[in-house]
Protein backbone atom coordinates (compact mmCIF):
# COMPACT_ATOMS: atom_id res chain seq x y z
CA MET A 1 288.77 176.66 85.92
CA THR A 2 286.44 173.08 86.30
CA ARG A 3 287.76 170.49 88.82
CA PHE A 4 288.91 167.10 87.66
CA THR A 5 286.22 164.57 89.37
CA LEU A 6 285.51 161.05 89.66
CA ALA A 7 283.25 161.32 86.23
CA ASP A 8 286.09 162.19 84.01
CA LEU A 9 288.70 159.09 85.52
CA GLU A 10 285.87 157.04 84.72
CA ARG A 11 285.81 158.97 81.10
CA ILE A 12 289.53 158.69 80.42
CA VAL A 13 289.72 155.12 81.61
CA ALA A 14 286.59 153.82 79.36
CA SER A 15 288.65 155.90 76.39
CA ARG A 16 291.66 154.41 77.34
CA ALA A 17 289.79 150.38 77.84
CA SER A 18 289.76 149.92 74.05
CA ALA A 19 293.02 151.21 73.54
CA ASP A 20 296.52 149.47 72.21
CA PRO A 21 297.78 147.71 75.20
CA GLN A 22 301.06 148.13 74.23
CA GLY A 23 300.91 151.92 74.21
CA SER A 24 298.16 151.80 77.57
CA TRP A 25 298.38 150.59 81.02
CA THR A 26 294.41 151.32 81.38
CA ALA A 27 293.87 148.45 78.25
CA LYS A 28 296.77 146.21 79.65
CA LEU A 29 295.17 145.62 82.81
CA VAL A 30 291.44 146.11 81.29
CA GLN A 31 292.65 142.87 78.63
CA ALA A 32 294.45 140.95 81.50
CA GLY A 33 290.83 140.96 83.05
CA MET A 34 289.42 141.19 86.90
CA PRO A 35 291.60 138.97 88.72
CA LYS A 36 295.09 141.31 87.29
CA ALA A 37 293.05 144.55 88.05
CA ALA A 38 291.77 143.43 91.34
CA LYS A 39 294.64 142.13 92.50
CA LYS A 40 296.37 145.60 91.45
CA LEU A 41 293.06 147.59 93.40
CA GLY A 42 293.91 145.62 96.21
CA GLU A 43 297.70 146.15 96.16
CA GLU A 44 296.82 149.56 96.21
CA ALA A 45 294.53 149.94 99.16
CA VAL A 46 297.51 148.31 101.04
CA GLU A 47 299.88 151.19 100.05
CA THR A 48 296.91 153.48 101.05
CA VAL A 49 296.52 152.52 104.30
CA ILE A 50 300.80 152.16 104.78
CA ALA A 51 300.71 155.92 103.48
CA ALA A 52 298.17 156.86 105.96
CA THR A 53 299.42 155.13 109.10
CA SER A 54 303.58 155.36 108.98
CA GLN A 55 305.04 158.28 105.57
CA SER A 56 304.38 161.95 104.53
CA ARG A 57 301.05 163.45 103.34
CA ALA A 58 301.86 163.61 99.77
CA GLU A 59 302.70 160.13 99.94
CA LEU A 60 299.25 159.41 101.08
CA VAL A 61 298.06 161.78 98.12
CA GLY A 62 299.26 159.70 95.78
CA GLU A 63 298.66 156.55 96.96
CA THR A 64 295.10 157.75 97.25
CA ALA A 65 295.02 158.88 93.18
CA ASP A 66 296.48 155.46 92.47
CA LEU A 67 293.81 153.61 94.20
CA LEU A 68 291.07 155.13 92.42
CA TYR A 69 292.89 154.83 89.38
CA HIS A 70 292.71 151.12 89.84
CA LEU A 71 288.65 150.95 91.09
CA MET A 72 287.87 152.77 88.28
CA VAL A 73 289.51 150.00 86.03
CA VAL A 74 287.73 147.14 88.59
CA LEU A 75 284.05 149.29 87.98
CA LYS A 76 285.27 149.44 83.83
CA ILE A 77 285.63 145.87 84.09
CA ALA A 78 282.34 145.00 85.53
CA ASP A 79 280.49 146.94 84.21
CA VAL A 80 279.17 149.43 87.44
CA PRO A 81 278.49 152.68 86.51
CA LEU A 82 280.11 155.23 88.95
CA SER A 83 276.27 156.80 89.45
CA GLU A 84 275.75 153.59 90.47
CA VAL A 85 277.79 154.05 93.36
CA MET A 86 276.84 157.10 93.76
CA ASP A 87 273.40 156.01 94.02
CA VAL A 88 274.22 154.12 96.86
CA LEU A 89 276.82 157.03 98.65
CA GLU A 90 273.60 158.95 98.52
CA GLY A 91 271.22 157.11 100.15
CA ARG A 92 273.70 156.26 103.07
CA THR A 93 274.53 159.37 103.30
CA ALA A 94 270.72 160.34 104.01
CA GLN A 95 271.16 159.18 107.62
CA SER A 96 274.09 158.20 110.37
CA GLY A 97 276.35 156.25 109.14
CA LEU A 98 275.72 153.54 112.18
CA ALA A 99 272.00 153.87 111.30
CA GLU A 100 272.57 152.92 107.52
CA LYS A 101 275.30 150.61 108.41
CA ALA A 102 272.58 148.48 111.42
CA GLY A 103 269.73 148.40 108.99
CA ARG A 104 271.86 146.75 105.96
CA LYS A 105 270.58 143.22 105.18
CA ALA A 106 273.26 140.42 106.31
CA GLU A 107 275.10 139.42 103.12
């Protein structure tokens, strides 16, 4: 049995982004643009933090799923492929997190 991956989610978001907004939440978010999608991502991030600190495991799992979905929508709108994010993560895991963070350029 094949496991569902973030790459699968990325493909689903991409295919639904061009659907009729009347029948697709993804299309509605994409049509609304980055401000709306980013706001939803932020809301889901806060809800995930709340679930992590004061709610059940099931709530944390559900909120994390919402967070990842909204992140994929934001990446789609920004035209940032998941592979680009994964490349950065791969590079960061080549050393300890503390060493990697210390070596980052000031933003």
